[in-house]
PDB file of N, CA and C in Angstrom:
ATOM      1  N   MET A   1     -32.300 100.149 -41.366  1.00  0.00           N
ATOM      2  CA  MET A   1     -31.825 101.195 -40.478  1.00  0.00           C
ATOM      3  C   MET A   1     -31.736 102.503 -41.262  1.00  0.00           C
ATOM      4  N   ILE A   2     -32.297 103.535 -40.714  1.00  0.00           N
ATOM      5  CA  ILE A   2     -32.313 104.828 -41.393  1.00  0.00           C
ATOM      6  C   ILE A   2     -31.097 105.651 -40.934  1.00  0.00           C
ATOM      7  N   THR A   3     -30.353 106.162 -41.889  1.00  0.00           N
ATOM      8  CA  THR A   3     -29.168 106.963 -41.578  1.00  0.00           C
ATOM      9  C   THR A   3     -29.544 108.440 -41.515  1.00  0.00           C
ATOM     10  N   GLU A   4     -28.591 109.242 -41.093  1.00  0.00           N
ATOM     11  CA  GLU A   4     -28.827 110.690 -41.021  1.00  0.00           C
ATOM     12  C   GLU A   4     -29.067 111.253 -42.421  1.00  0.00           C
ATOM     13  N   TYR A   5     -28.308 110.773 -43.411  1.00  0.00           N
ATOM     14  CA  TYR A   5     -28.531 111.225 -44.786  1.00  0.00           C
ATOM     15  C   TYR A   5     -29.947 110.891 -45.246  1.00  0.00           C
ATOM     16  N   ASP A   6     -30.410 109.674 -44.925  1.00  0.00           N
ATOM     17  CA  ASP A   6     -31.764 109.255 -45.313  1.00  0.00           C
ATOM     18  C   ASP A   6     -32.801 110.199 -44.711  1.00  0.00           C
ATOM     19  N   ARG A   7     -32.642 110.492 -43.430  1.00  0.00           N
ATOM     20  CA  ARG A   7     -33.581 111.374 -42.746  1.00  0.00           C
ATOM     21  C   ARG A   7     -33.579 112.767 -43.377  1.00  0.00           C
ATOM     22  N   GLN A   8     -32.401 113.264 -43.713  1.00  0.00           N
ATOM     23  CA  GLN A   8     -32.289 114.584 -44.328  1.00  0.00           C
ATOM     24  C   GLN A   8     -32.911 114.596 -45.724  1.00  0.00           C
ATOM     25  N   ILE A   9     -32.695 113.535 -46.488  1.00  0.00           N
ATOM     26  CA  ILE A   9     -33.284 113.439 -47.829  1.00  0.00           C
ATOM     27  C   ILE A   9     -34.805 113.470 -47.728  1.00  0.00           C
ATOM     28  N   LEU A  10     -35.351 112.674 -46.821  1.00  0.00           N
ATOM     29  CA  LEU A  10     -36.805 112.614 -46.666  1.00  0.00           C
ATOM     30  C   LEU A  10     -37.366 113.941 -46.170  1.00  0.00           C
ATOM     31  N   MET A  11     -36.649 114.614 -45.284  1.00  0.00           N
ATOM     32  CA  MET A  11     -37.103 115.907 -44.780  1.00  0.00           C
ATOM     33  C   MET A  11     -37.149 116.942 -45.913  1.00  0.00           C
ATOM     34  N   ILE A  12     -36.124 116.961 -46.748  1.00  0.00           N
ATOM     35  CA  ILE A  12     -36.080 117.902 -47.869  1.00  0.00           C
ATOM     36  C   ILE A  12     -37.194 117.579 -48.855  1.00  0.00           C
ATOM     37  N   LEU A  13     -37.389 116.300 -49.160  1.00  0.00           N
ATOM     38  CA  LEU A  13     -38.461 115.911 -50.082  1.00  0.00           C
ATOM     39  C   LEU A  13     -39.831 116.299 -49.539  1.00  0.00           C
ATOM     40  N   SER A  14     -40.012 116.199 -48.232  1.00  0.00           N
ATOM     41  CA  SER A  14     -41.304 116.602 -47.663  1.00  0.00           C
ATOM     42  C   SER A  14     -41.482 118.114 -47.727  1.00  0.00           C
ATOM     43  N   ASP A  15     -40.379 118.860 -47.639  1.00  0.00           N
ATOM     44  CA  ASP A  15     -40.455 120.320 -47.719  1.00  0.00           C
ATOM     45  C   ASP A  15     -40.802 120.805 -49.132  1.00  0.00           C
ATOM     46  N   VAL A  16     -40.263 120.144 -50.150  1.00  0.00           N
ATOM     47  CA  VAL A  16     -40.490 120.613 -51.524  1.00  0.00           C
ATOM     48  C   VAL A  16     -41.873 120.249 -52.038  1.00  0.00           C
ATOM     49  N   GLY A  17     -42.496 119.229 -51.467  1.00  0.00           N
ATOM     50  CA  GLY A  17     -43.867 118.902 -51.830  1.00  0.00           C
ATOM     51  C   GLY A  17     -44.012 118.262 -53.199  1.00  0.00           C
ATOM     52  N   GLU A  18     -45.131 118.560 -53.855  1.00  0.00           N
ATOM     53  CA  GLU A  18     -45.508 117.925 -55.119  1.00  0.00           C
ATOM     54  C   GLU A  18     -44.603 118.297 -56.295  1.00  0.00           C
ATOM     55  N   ASN A  19     -43.968 119.457 -56.245  1.00  0.00           N
ATOM     56  CA  ASN A  19     -43.117 119.884 -57.359  1.00  0.00           C
ATOM     57  C   ASN A  19     -41.865 119.043 -57.483  1.00  0.00           C
ATOM     58  N   GLY A  20     -41.382 118.502 -56.373  1.00  0.00           N
ATOM     59  CA  GLY A  20     -40.182 117.683 -56.393  1.00  0.00           C
ATOM     60  C   GLY A  20     -38.930 118.526 -56.465  1.00  0.00           C
ATOM     61  N   ILE A  21     -37.794 117.850 -56.551  1.00  0.00           N
ATOM     62  CA  ILE A  21     -36.495 118.509 -56.576  1.00  0.00           C
ATOM     63  C   ILE A  21     -35.546 117.657 -57.401  1.00  0.00           C
ATOM     64  N   SER A  22     -34.573 118.294 -58.025  1.00  0.00           N
ATOM     65  CA  SER A  22     -33.605 117.550 -58.828  1.00  0.00           C
ATOM     66  C   SER A  22     -32.615 116.848 -57.914  1.00  0.00           C
ATOM     67  N   VAL A  23     -32.012 115.788 -58.418  1.00  0.00           N
ATOM     68  CA  VAL A  23     -31.027 115.027 -57.656  1.00  0.00           C
ATOM     69  C   VAL A  23     -29.868 115.939 -57.275  1.00  0.00           C
ATOM     70  N   GLN A  24     -29.436 116.777 -58.202  1.00  0.00           N
ATOM     71  CA  GLN A  24     -28.305 117.662 -57.941  1.00  0.00           C
ATOM     72  C   GLN A  24     -28.613 118.658 -56.820  1.00  0.00           C
ATOM     73  N   ALA A  25     -29.791 119.273 -56.852  1.00  0.00           N
ATOM     74  CA  ALA A  25     -30.161 120.233 -55.820  1.00  0.00           C
ATOM     75  C   ALA A  25     -30.331 119.536 -54.471  1.00  0.00           C
ATOM     76  N   LEU A  26     -30.905 118.345 -54.488  1.00  0.00           N
ATOM     77  CA  LEU A  26     -31.087 117.587 -53.257  1.00  0.00           C
ATOM     78  C   LEU A  26     -29.733 117.221 -52.652  1.00  0.00           C
ATOM     79  N   ALA A  27     -28.805 116.793 -53.491  1.00  0.00           N
ATOM     80  CA  ALA A  27     -27.467 116.446 -53.014  1.00  0.00           C
ATOM     81  C   ALA A  27     -26.761 117.665 -52.424  1.00  0.00           C
ATOM     82  N   LYS A  28     -26.937 118.831 -53.033  1.00  0.00           N
ATOM     83  CA  LYS A  28     -26.330 120.051 -52.494  1.00  0.00           C
ATOM     84  C   LYS A  28     -26.897 120.390 -51.124  1.00  0.00           C
ATOM     85  N   HIS A  29     -28.211 120.244 -50.977  1.00  0.00           N
ATOM     86  CA  HIS A  29     -28.836 120.517 -49.681  1.00  0.00           C
ATOM     87  C   HIS A  29     -28.296 119.566 -48.604  1.00  0.00           C
ATOM     88  N   VAL A  30     -28.222 118.285 -48.928  1.00  0.00           N
ATOM     89  CA  VAL A  30     -27.729 117.297 -47.965  1.00  0.00           C
ATOM     90  C   VAL A  30     -26.270 117.597 -47.624  1.00  0.00           C
ATOM     91  N   HIS A  31     -25.471 117.918 -48.628  1.00  0.00           N
ATOM     92  CA  HIS A  31     -24.065 118.252 -48.402  1.00  0.00           C
ATOM     93  C   HIS A  31     -23.950 119.449 -47.465  1.00  0.00           C
ATOM     94  N   ASN A  32     -24.710 120.499 -47.737  1.00  0.00           N
ATOM     95  CA  ASN A  32     -24.635 121.706 -46.905  1.00  0.00           C
ATOM     96  C   ASN A  32     -25.114 121.463 -45.479  1.00  0.00           C
ATOM     97  N   MET A  33     -26.073 120.560 -45.311  1.00  0.00           N
ATOM     98  CA  MET A  33     -26.570 120.253 -43.968  1.00  0.00           C
ATOM     99  C   MET A  33     -25.522 119.519 -43.132  1.00  0.00           C
ATOM    100  N   ASN A  34     -24.526 118.932 -43.785  1.00  0.00           N
ATOM    101  CA  ASN A  34     -23.520 118.141 -43.080  1.00  0.00           C
ATOM    102  C   ASN A  34     -22.147 118.797 -43.025  1.00  0.00           C
ATOM    103  N   CYS A  35     -22.011 119.988 -43.557  1.00  0.00           N
ATOM    104  CA  CYS A  35     -20.743 120.716 -43.485  1.00  0.00           C
ATOM    105  C   CYS A  35     -20.607 121.372 -42.119  1.00  0.00           C
ATOM    106  N   THR A  36     -19.463 121.187 -41.513  1.00  0.00           N
ATOM    107  CA  THR A  36     -19.169 121.828 -40.245  1.00  0.00           C
ATOM    108  C   THR A  36     -17.805 122.488 -40.348  1.00  0.00           C
ATOM    109  N   LEU A  37     -17.400 123.126 -39.270  1.00  0.00           N
ATOM    110  CA  LEU A  37     -16.094 123.771 -39.239  1.00  0.00           C
ATOM    111  C   LEU A  37     -14.971 122.752 -39.333  1.00  0.00           C
ATOM    112  N   PHE A  38     -15.199 121.552 -38.803  1.00  0.00           N
ATOM    113  CA  PHE A  38     -14.156 120.539 -38.737  1.00  0.00           C
ATOM    114  C   PHE A  38     -14.301 119.409 -39.745  1.00  0.00           C
ATOM    115  N   PHE A  39     -15.432 119.345 -40.435  1.00  0.00           N
ATOM    116  CA  PHE A  39     -15.655 118.248 -41.379  1.00  0.00           C
ATOM    117  C   PHE A  39     -16.474 118.728 -42.561  1.00  0.00           C
ATOM    118  N   THR A  40     -15.998 118.402 -43.743  1.00  0.00           N
ATOM    119  CA  THR A  40     -16.738 118.687 -44.968  1.00  0.00           C
ATOM    120  C   THR A  40     -16.812 117.396 -45.777  1.00  0.00           C
ATOM    121  N   PRO A  41     -18.005 116.848 -45.952  1.00  0.00           N
ATOM    122  CA  PRO A  41     -18.116 115.603 -46.728  1.00  0.00           C
ATOM    123  C   PRO A  41     -17.800 115.852 -48.207  1.00  0.00           C
ATOM    124  N   ASP A  42     -17.365 114.790 -48.863  1.00  0.00           N
ATOM    125  CA  ASP A  42     -17.061 114.869 -50.290  1.00  0.00           C
ATOM    126  C   ASP A  42     -18.362 115.037 -51.083  1.00  0.00           C
ATOM    127  N   VAL A  43     -18.394 116.044 -51.936  1.00  0.00           N
ATOM    128  CA  VAL A  43     -19.593 116.361 -52.715  1.00  0.00           C
ATOM    129  C   VAL A  43     -19.987 115.191 -53.608  1.00  0.00           C
ATOM    130  N   ALA A  44     -19.016 114.566 -54.246  1.00  0.00           N
ATOM    131  CA  ALA A  44     -19.304 113.455 -55.165  1.00  0.00           C
ATOM    132  C   ALA A  44     -19.886 112.254 -54.414  1.00  0.00           C
ATOM    133  N   GLU A  45     -19.377 111.973 -53.219  1.00  0.00           N
ATOM    134  CA  GLU A  45     -19.898 110.860 -52.435  1.00  0.00           C
ATOM    135  C   GLU A  45     -21.334 111.117 -51.987  1.00  0.00           C
ATOM    136  N   VAL A  46     -21.606 112.345 -51.562  1.00  0.00           N
ATOM    137  CA  VAL A  46     -22.967 112.690 -51.142  1.00  0.00           C
ATOM    138  C   VAL A  46     -23.909 112.576 -52.335  1.00  0.00           C
ATOM    139  N   HIS A  47     -23.495 113.061 -53.499  1.00  0.00           N
ATOM    140  CA  HIS A  47     -24.330 112.983 -54.706  1.00  0.00           C
ATOM    141  C   HIS A  47     -24.620 111.537 -55.066  1.00  0.00           C
ATOM    142  N   ARG A  48     -23.591 110.680 -55.016  1.00  0.00           N
ATOM    143  CA  ARG A  48     -23.781 109.256 -55.315  1.00  0.00           C
ATOM    144  C   ARG A  48     -24.750 108.614 -54.328  1.00  0.00           C
ATOM    145  N   TYR A  49     -24.601 108.945 -53.049  1.00  0.00           N
ATOM    146  CA  TYR A  49     -25.476 108.373 -52.037  1.00  0.00           C
ATOM    147  C   TYR A  49     -26.922 108.791 -52.280  1.00  0.00           C
ATOM    148  N   VAL A  50     -27.146 110.068 -52.540  1.00  0.00           N
ATOM    149  CA  VAL A  50     -28.505 110.576 -52.784  1.00  0.00           C
ATOM    150  C   VAL A  50     -29.100 109.911 -54.014  1.00  0.00           C
ATOM    151  N   GLN A  51     -28.316 109.812 -55.069  1.00  0.00           N
ATOM    152  CA  GLN A  51     -28.799 109.193 -56.310  1.00  0.00           C
ATOM    153  C   GLN A  51     -29.172 107.729 -56.088  1.00  0.00           C
ATOM    154  N   GLN A  52     -28.330 106.979 -55.383  1.00  0.00           N
ATOM    155  CA  GLN A  52     -28.621 105.575 -55.111  1.00  0.00           C
ATOM    156  C   GLN A  52     -29.840 105.424 -54.205  1.00  0.00           C
ATOM    157  N   TYR A  53     -29.965 106.291 -53.227  1.00  0.00           N
ATOM    158  CA  TYR A  53     -31.108 106.246 -52.323  1.00  0.00           C
ATOM    159  C   TYR A  53     -32.410 106.459 -53.096  1.00  0.00           C
ATOM    160  N   LEU A  54     -32.425 107.460 -53.976  1.00  0.00           N
ATOM    161  CA  LEU A  54     -33.626 107.752 -54.754  1.00  0.00           C
ATOM    162  C   LEU A  54     -33.979 106.610 -55.690  1.00  0.00           C
ATOM    163  N   LEU A  55     -32.985 106.054 -56.360  1.00  0.00           N
ATOM    164  CA  LEU A  55     -33.243 104.933 -57.269  1.00  0.00           C
ATOM    165  C   LEU A  55     -33.737 103.704 -56.515  1.00  0.00           C
ATOM    166  N   ARG A  56     -33.104 103.405 -55.392  1.00  0.00           N
ATOM    167  CA  ARG A  56     -33.481 102.232 -54.595  1.00  0.00           C
ATOM    168  C   ARG A  56     -34.916 102.358 -54.084  1.00  0.00           C
ATOM    169  N   ASN A  57     -35.293 103.546 -53.636  1.00  0.00           N
ATOM    170  CA  ASN A  57     -36.624 103.736 -53.055  1.00  0.00           C
ATOM    171  C   ASN A  57     -37.706 104.008 -54.085  1.00  0.00           C
ATOM    172  N   SER A  58     -37.338 104.275 -55.324  1.00  0.00           N
ATOM    173  CA  SER A  58     -38.354 104.496 -56.352  1.00  0.00           C
ATOM    174  C   SER A  58     -38.685 103.211 -57.111  1.00  0.00           C
ATOM    175  N   ARG A  59     -37.934 102.129 -56.863  1.00  0.00           N
ATOM    176  CA  ARG A  59     -38.154 100.879 -57.594  1.00  0.00           C
ATOM    177  C   ARG A  59     -38.795  99.791 -56.748  1.00  0.00           C
ATOM    178  N   GLN A  60     -39.358 100.145 -55.612  1.00  0.00           N
ATOM    179  CA  GLN A  60     -40.028  99.178 -54.752  1.00  0.00           C
ATOM    180  C   GLN A  60     -41.471  99.002 -55.219  1.00  0.00           C
ATOM    181  N   PRO A  61     -42.163  97.947 -54.736  1.00  0.00           N
ATOM    182  CA  PRO A  61     -43.564  97.749 -55.136  1.00  0.00           C
ATOM    183  C   PRO A  61     -44.467  98.935 -54.796  1.00  0.00           C
ATOM    184  N   HIS A  62     -44.360  99.481 -53.602  1.00  0.00           N
ATOM    185  CA  HIS A  62     -45.084 100.699 -53.219  1.00  0.00           C
ATOM    186  C   HIS A  62     -44.023 101.738 -52.882  1.00  0.00           C
ATOM    187  N   PRO A  63     -43.503 102.413 -53.909  1.00  0.00           N
ATOM    188  CA  PRO A  63     -42.324 103.251 -53.711  1.00  0.00           C
ATOM    189  C   PRO A  63     -42.572 104.441 -52.780  1.00  0.00           C
ATOM    190  N   LEU A  64     -41.570 104.711 -51.966  1.00  0.00           N
ATOM    191  CA  LEU A  64     -41.593 105.851 -51.061  1.00  0.00           C
ATOM    192  C   LEU A  64     -41.337 107.141 -51.844  1.00  0.00           C
ATOM    193  N   VAL A  65     -40.526 107.021 -52.887  1.00  0.00           N
ATOM    194  CA  VAL A  65     -40.135 108.149 -53.724  1.00  0.00           C
ATOM    195  C   VAL A  65     -40.544 107.855 -55.160  1.00  0.00           C
ATOM    196  N   GLU A  66     -40.970 108.887 -55.883  1.00  0.00           N
ATOM    197  CA  GLU A  66     -41.341 108.711 -57.285  1.00  0.00           C
ATOM    198  C   GLU A  66     -40.765 109.844 -58.119  1.00  0.00           C
ATOM    199  N   THR A  67     -40.671 109.612 -59.418  1.00  0.00           N
ATOM    200  CA  THR A  67     -40.219 110.677 -60.310  1.00  0.00           C
ATOM    201  C   THR A  67     -41.385 111.619 -60.577  1.00  0.00           C
ATOM    202  N   THR A  68     -41.060 112.852 -60.904  1.00  0.00           N
ATOM    203  CA  THR A  68     -42.107 113.837 -61.168  1.00  0.00           C
ATOM    204  C   THR A  68     -42.536 113.837 -62.619  1.00  0.00           C
ATOM    205  N   GLY A  69     -41.845 113.077 -63.437  1.00  0.00           N
ATOM    206  CA  GLY A  69     -42.114 113.100 -64.877  1.00  0.00           C
ATOM    207  C   GLY A  69     -41.038 113.895 -65.591  1.00  0.00           C
ATOM    208  N   GLN A  70     -40.365 114.733 -64.863  1.00  0.00           N
ATOM    209  CA  GLN A  70     -39.242 115.494 -65.408  1.00  0.00           C
ATOM    210  C   GLN A  70     -37.974 114.712 -65.072  1.00  0.00           C
ATOM    211  N   ARG A  71     -37.095 114.572 -66.030  1.00  0.00           N
ATOM    212  CA  ARG A  71     -35.890 113.755 -65.856  1.00  0.00           C
ATOM    213  C   ARG A  71     -35.055 114.242 -64.671  1.00  0.00           C
ATOM    214  N   GLY A  72     -34.762 113.320 -63.747  1.00  0.00           N
ATOM    215  CA  GLY A  72     -33.895 113.617 -62.624  1.00  0.00           C
ATOM    216  C   GLY A  72     -34.548 114.356 -61.471  1.00  0.00           C
ATOM    217  N   HIS A  73     -35.876 114.481 -61.486  1.00  0.00           N
ATOM    218  CA  HIS A  73     -36.598 115.146 -60.404  1.00  0.00           C
ATOM    219  C   HIS A  73     -37.446 114.117 -59.651  1.00  0.00           C
ATOM    220  N   TYR A  74     -37.391 114.200 -58.327  1.00  0.00           N
ATOM    221  CA  TYR A  74     -38.092 113.241 -57.479  1.00  0.00           C
ATOM    222  C   TYR A  74     -38.927 113.960 -56.429  1.00  0.00           C
ATOM    223  N   ARG A  75     -39.921 113.231 -55.898  1.00  0.00           N
ATOM    224  CA  ARG A  75     -40.771 113.723 -54.814  1.00  0.00           C
ATOM    225  C   ARG A  75     -41.235 112.521 -54.003  1.00  0.00           C
ATOM    226  N   LEU A  76     -41.807 112.783 -52.829  1.00  0.00           N
ATOM    227  CA  LEU A  76     -42.388 111.704 -52.047  1.00  0.00           C
ATOM    228  C   LEU A  76     -43.652 111.212 -52.735  1.00  0.00           C
ATOM    229  N   ASN A  77     -43.881 109.925 -52.711  1.00  0.00           N
ATOM    230  CA  ASN A  77     -45.043 109.313 -53.343  1.00  0.00           C
ATOM    231  C   ASN A  77     -46.179 109.250 -52.328  1.00  0.00           C
ATOM    232  N   THR A  78     -46.902 110.328 -52.169  1.00  0.00           N
ATOM    233  CA  THR A  78     -47.959 110.390 -51.160  1.00  0.00           C
ATOM    234  C   THR A  78     -49.255 109.741 -51.635  1.00  0.00           C
ATOM    235  N   LYS A  79     -49.362 109.400 -52.909  1.00  0.00           N
ATOM    236  CA  LYS A  79     -50.584 108.782 -53.428  1.00  0.00           C
ATOM    237  C   LYS A  79     -50.638 107.289 -53.149  1.00  0.00           C
ATOM    238  N   GLU A  80     -49.505 106.595 -53.291  1.00  0.00           N
ATOM    239  CA  GLU A  80     -49.485 105.141 -53.159  1.00  0.00           C
ATOM    240  C   GLU A  80     -48.856 104.649 -51.861  1.00  0.00           C
ATOM    241  N   SER A  81     -48.033 105.481 -51.233  1.00  0.00           N
ATOM    242  CA  SER A  81     -47.261 105.012 -50.086  1.00  0.00           C
ATOM    243  C   SER A  81     -47.786 105.594 -48.774  1.00  0.00           C
ATOM    244  N   ASP A  82     -48.250 104.701 -47.906  1.00  0.00           N
ATOM    245  CA  ASP A  82     -48.681 105.123 -46.576  1.00  0.00           C
ATOM    246  C   ASP A  82     -47.508 105.671 -45.777  1.00  0.00           C
ATOM    247  N   ASP A  83     -46.318 105.084 -45.989  1.00  0.00           N
ATOM    248  CA  ASP A  83     -45.125 105.555 -45.286  1.00  0.00           C
ATOM    249  C   ASP A  83     -44.798 106.996 -45.652  1.00  0.00           C
ATOM    250  N   ALA A  84     -44.950 107.349 -46.917  1.00  0.00           N
ATOM    251  CA  ALA A  84     -44.668 108.720 -47.361  1.00  0.00           C
ATOM    252  C   ALA A  84     -45.652 109.698 -46.732  1.00  0.00           C
ATOM    253  N   ARG A  85     -46.920 109.314 -46.670  1.00  0.00           N
ATOM    254  CA  ARG A  85     -47.918 110.185 -46.034  1.00  0.00           C
ATOM    255  C   ARG A  85     -47.600 110.377 -44.551  1.00  0.00           C
ATOM    256  N   GLN A  86     -47.186 109.305 -43.904  1.00  0.00           N
ATOM    257  CA  GLN A  86     -46.830 109.387 -42.488  1.00  0.00           C
ATOM    258  C   GLN A  86     -45.603 110.285 -42.291  1.00  0.00           C
ATOM    259  N   LEU A  87     -44.633 110.187 -43.188  1.00  0.00           N
ATOM    260  CA  LEU A  87     -43.444 111.037 -43.099  1.00  0.00           C
ATOM    261  C   LEU A  87     -43.798 112.511 -43.255  1.00  0.00           C
ATOM    262  N   MET A  88     -44.714 112.801 -44.166  1.00  0.00           N
ATOM    263  CA  MET A  88     -45.150 114.192 -44.351  1.00  0.00           C
ATOM    264  C   MET A  88     -45.717 114.735 -43.042  1.00  0.00           C
ATOM    265  N   LEU A  89     -46.508 113.929 -42.356  1.00  0.00           N
ATOM    266  CA  LEU A  89     -47.091 114.359 -41.080  1.00  0.00           C
ATOM    267  C   LEU A  89     -46.022 114.510 -40.007  1.00  0.00           C
ATOM    268  N   GLU A  90     -45.103 113.567 -39.929  1.00  0.00           N
ATOM    269  CA  GLU A  90     -44.060 113.618 -38.912  1.00  0.00           C
ATOM    270  C   GLU A  90     -43.158 114.829 -39.097  1.00  0.00           C
ATOM    271  N   PHE A  91     -42.708 115.072 -40.331  1.00  0.00           N
ATOM    272  CA  PHE A  91     -41.820 116.201 -40.569  1.00  0.00           C
ATOM    273  C   PHE A  91     -42.556 117.518 -40.394  1.00  0.00           C
ATOM    274  N   HIS A  92     -43.841 117.525 -40.714  1.00  0.00           N
ATOM    275  CA  HIS A  92     -44.632 118.741 -40.515  1.00  0.00           C
ATOM    276  C   HIS A  92     -44.736 119.053 -39.025  1.00  0.00           C
ATOM    277  N   ASP A  93     -44.901 118.026 -38.206  1.00  0.00           N
ATOM    278  CA  ASP A  93     -45.001 118.214 -36.756  1.00  0.00           C
ATOM    279  C   ASP A  93     -43.670 118.606 -36.126  1.00  0.00           C
ATOM    280  N   GLU A  94     -42.549 118.208 -36.735  1.00  0.00           N
ATOM    281  CA  GLU A  94     -41.232 118.521 -36.192  1.00  0.00           C
ATOM    282  C   GLU A  94     -40.859 119.986 -36.367  1.00  0.00           C
ATOM    283  N   LYS A  95     -41.415 120.640 -37.360  1.00  0.00           N
ATOM    284  CA  LYS A  95     -41.044 122.018 -37.630  1.00  0.00           C
ATOM    285  C   LYS A  95     -41.496 122.903 -36.474  1.00  0.00           C
ATOM    286  N   PRO A  96     -40.612 123.783 -36.017  1.00  0.00           N
ATOM    287  CA  PRO A  96     -40.989 124.643 -34.894  1.00  0.00           C
ATOM    288  C   PRO A  96     -42.083 125.627 -35.306  1.00  0.00           C
ATOM    289  N   GLN A  97     -43.047 125.768 -34.433  1.00  0.00           N
ATOM    290  CA  GLN A  97     -44.130 126.705 -34.685  1.00  0.00           C
ATOM    291  C   GLN A  97     -43.646 128.102 -34.331  1.00  0.00           C
ATOM    292  N   LYS A  98     -43.950 129.064 -35.175  1.00  0.00           N
ATOM    293  CA  LYS A  98     -43.551 130.442 -34.907  1.00  0.00           C
ATOM    294  C   LYS A  98     -44.497 131.023 -33.856  1.00  0.00           C
ATOM    295  N   GLU A  99     -43.896 131.469 -32.784  1.00  0.00           N
ATOM    296  CA  GLU A  99     -44.691 132.070 -31.734  1.00  0.00           C
ATOM    297  C   GLU A  99     -44.716 133.577 -31.916  1.00  0.00           C
ATOM    298  N   GLU A 100     -45.862 134.145 -31.637  1.00  0.00           N
ATOM    299  CA  GLU A 100     -45.967 135.598 -31.718  1.00  0.00           C
ATOM    300  C   GLU A 100     -45.223 136.204 -30.551  1.00  0.00           C
ATOM    301  N   GLU A 101     -44.360 137.159 -30.865  1.00  0.00           N
ATOM    302  CA  GLU A 101     -43.630 137.827 -29.800  1.00  0.00           C
ATOM    303  C   GLU A 101     -44.510 138.912 -29.216  1.00  0.00           C
ATOM    304  N   LYS A 102     -44.630 138.865 -27.906  1.00  0.00           N
ATOM    305  CA  LYS A 102     -45.427 139.874 -27.220  1.00  0.00           C
ATOM    306  C   LYS A 102     -44.543 141.095 -26.986  1.00  0.00           C
ATOM    307  N   PRO A 103     -45.082 142.275 -27.216  1.00  0.00           N
ATOM    308  CA  PRO A 103     -44.270 143.464 -26.963  1.00  0.00           C
ATOM    309  C   PRO A 103     -43.980 143.584 -25.472  1.00  0.00           C
ATOM    310  N   LYS A 104     -42.742 143.919 -25.178  1.00  0.00           N
ATOM    311  CA  LYS A 104     -42.345 144.056 -23.782  1.00  0.00           C
ATOM    312  C   LYS A 104     -42.834 145.399 -23.253  1.00  0.00           C
ATOM    313  N   PRO A 105     -43.330 145.415 -22.049  1.00  0.00           N
ATOM    314  CA  PRO A 105     -43.808 146.690 -21.497  1.00  0.00           C
ATOM    315  C   PRO A 105     -42.639 147.637 -21.252  1.00  0.00           C
ATOM    316  N   ASP A 106     -42.886 148.916 -21.460  1.00  0.00           N
ATOM    317  CA  ASP A 106     -41.866 149.936 -21.257  1.00  0.00           C
ATOM    318  C   ASP A 106     -41.781 150.245 -19.782  1.00  0.00           C
ATOM    319  N   LEU A 107     -40.686 149.838 -19.171  1.00  0.00           N
ATOM    320  CA  LEU A 107     -40.504 150.019 -17.738  1.00  0.00           C
ATOM    321  C   LEU A 107     -39.566 151.198 -17.405  1.00  0.00           C
ATOM    322  N   SER A 108     -39.221 151.963 -18.418  1.00  0.00           N
ATOM    323  CA  SER A 108     -38.319 153.087 -18.177  1.00  0.00           C
ATOM    324  C   SER A 108     -39.078 154.233 -17.489  1.00  0.00           C
ATOM    325  N   LEU A 109     -38.335 155.032 -16.755  1.00  0.00           N
ATOM    326  CA  LEU A 109     -38.920 156.163 -16.052  1.00  0.00           C
ATOM    327  C   LEU A 109     -39.053 157.361 -16.992  1.00  0.00           C
ATOM    328  N   ASP A 110     -40.113 158.096 -16.848  1.00  0.00           N
ATOM    329  CA  ASP A 110     -40.329 159.284 -17.672  1.00  0.00           C
ATOM    330  C   ASP A 110     -39.596 160.462 -17.017  1.00  0.00           C
ATOM    331  N   MET A 111     -38.711 161.108 -17.775  1.00  0.00           N
ATOM    332  CA  MET A 111     -37.923 162.211 -17.231  1.00  0.00           C
ATOM    333  C   MET A 111     -38.759 163.459 -16.986  1.00  0.00           C
ATOM    334  N   PHE A 112     -39.827 163.651 -17.697  1.00  0.00           N
ATOM    335  CA  PHE A 112     -40.591 164.900 -17.622  1.00  0.00           C
ATOM    336  C   PHE A 112     -41.894 164.744 -16.851  1.00  0.00           C
ATOM    337  N   ALA A 113     -42.047 163.772 -16.032  1.00  0.00           N
ATOM    338  CA  ALA A 113     -43.278 163.565 -15.290  1.00  0.00           C
ATOM    339  C   ALA A 113     -43.324 164.377 -14.018  1.00  0.00           C
TER     340      ALA A 113
END
């Protein structure tokens, strides 16, 4: 079962691409995405959850997440994992497309006509 934190982690990882992101920065993003006026999650708990999620998913036979080679930095494993490639497509499709704003016609009356 995928939790909201899991979905947010995967969305952030898909946004950062091949460069990856540090566990600390990822945890901050997830924490900020869940802060509201009435609820603020514990920073340490969110960091622990993100760290465990990354470790758990990077140690599978076809890992969804992989290290970038830099200590503590992770990215989606799009080379070996079909699931990661599918997630990249899904999250890319979820992003709202920017629509060009059409200029509104000037309907005001000309005073000097």
